[in-house]
C-alpha atoms as a PDB file:
ATOM      1  CA  UNK A   1       4.793 -20.686   2.959  1.00  0.00           C
ATOM      2  CA  UNK A   2       7.316 -20.699   5.492  1.00  0.00           C
ATOM      3  CA  UNK A   3       6.224 -17.760   7.803  1.00  0.00           C
ATOM      4  CA  UNK A   4       7.353 -14.439   8.737  1.00  0.00           C
ATOM      5  CA  UNK A   5      10.968 -14.425  10.025  1.00  0.00           C
ATOM      6  CA  UNK A   6      10.143 -11.583  12.075  1.00  0.00           C
ATOM      7  CA  UNK A   7       7.112  -8.948  13.251  1.00  0.00           C
ATOM      8  CA  UNK A   8       8.884  -6.365  11.642  1.00  0.00           C
ATOM      9  CA  UNK A   9       9.035  -8.501   7.990  1.00  0.00           C
ATOM     10  CA  UNK A  10       5.285  -8.909   9.182  1.00  0.00           C
ATOM     11  CA  UNK A  11       4.221  -5.542   9.719  1.00  0.00           C
ATOM     12  CA  UNK A  12       5.752  -4.280   6.748  1.00  0.00           C
ATOM     13  CA  UNK A  13       4.230  -7.352   4.370  1.00  0.00           C
ATOM     14  CA  UNK A  14       0.712  -6.588   6.136  1.00  0.00           C
ATOM     15  CA  UNK A  15       0.944  -3.285   5.711  1.00  0.00           C
ATOM     16  CA  UNK A  16       1.958  -2.811   2.121  1.00  0.00           C
ATOM     17  CA  UNK A  17      -1.386  -5.786   1.325  1.00  0.00           C
ATOM     18  CA  UNK A  18      -3.428  -3.267   3.460  1.00  0.00           C
ATOM     19  CA  UNK A  19      -2.496  -0.305   1.034  1.00  0.00           C
ATOM     20  CA  UNK A  20      -2.950  -2.495  -2.302  1.00  0.00           C
ATOM     21  CA  UNK A  21      -6.716  -3.494  -0.950  1.00  0.00           C
ATOM     22  CA  UNK A  22      -7.206   0.669  -0.156  1.00  0.00           C
ATOM     23  CA  UNK A  23      -5.861   1.795  -3.739  1.00  0.00           C
ATOM     24  CA  UNK A  24      -8.515  -0.644  -5.421  1.00  0.00           C
ATOM     25  CA  UNK A  25     -11.000   1.230  -3.554  1.00  0.00           C
ATOM     26  CA  UNK A  26     -10.064   3.922  -3.834  1.00  0.00           C
ATOM     27  CA  UNK A  27      -9.713   4.487   0.130  1.00  0.00           C
ATOM     28  CA  UNK A  28      -5.859   5.994  -0.409  1.00  0.00           C
ATOM     29  CA  UNK A  29      -6.130  10.067  -0.646  1.00  0.00           C
ATOM     30  CA  UNK A  30      -2.782  12.146  -0.610  1.00  0.00           C
ATOM     31  CA  UNK A  31      -2.741  16.150   0.350  1.00  0.00           C
ATOM     32  CA  UNK A  32      -1.193  17.067  -3.357  1.00  0.00           C
ATOM     33  CA  UNK A  33      -4.381  14.812  -5.464  1.00  0.00           C
ATOM     34  CA  UNK A  34      -7.200  13.160  -3.851  1.00  0.00           C
ATOM     35  CA  UNK A  35      -8.399  11.013  -6.007  1.00  0.00           C
ATOM     36  CA  UNK A  36      -5.695   9.718  -8.189  1.00  0.00           C
ATOM     37  CA  UNK A  37      -5.377   6.539 -10.582  1.00  0.00           C
ATOM     38  CA  UNK A  38      -4.071   3.544  -9.149  1.00  0.00           C
ATOM     39  CA  UNK A  39      -1.510   3.819 -11.833  1.00  0.00           C
ATOM     40  CA  UNK A  40      -0.045   7.299  -9.699  1.00  0.00           C
ATOM     41  CA  UNK A  41      -0.967   5.712  -6.636  1.00  0.00           C
ATOM     42  CA  UNK A  42       1.931   2.845  -7.292  1.00  0.00           C
ATOM     43  CA  UNK A  43       3.800   5.574  -8.510  1.00  0.00           C
ATOM     44  CA  UNK A  44       3.909   7.066  -5.103  1.00  0.00           C
ATOM     45  CA  UNK A  45       4.577   4.032  -2.969  1.00  0.00           C
ATOM     46  CA  UNK A  46       7.583   3.451  -5.520  1.00  0.00           C
ATOM     47  CA  UNK A  47       8.956   6.050  -4.478  1.00  0.00           C
END
């Protein structure tokens, strides 16, 4: 890997990776749906 071009890019990518890990562990909760499925969580992130 060539590395990150900026600290902002690194922060964004690492936050996304951490969110995916939280989704896999079912630790991510949302106000309207406290226990969404993996697909629902991905749709929330994509919008």
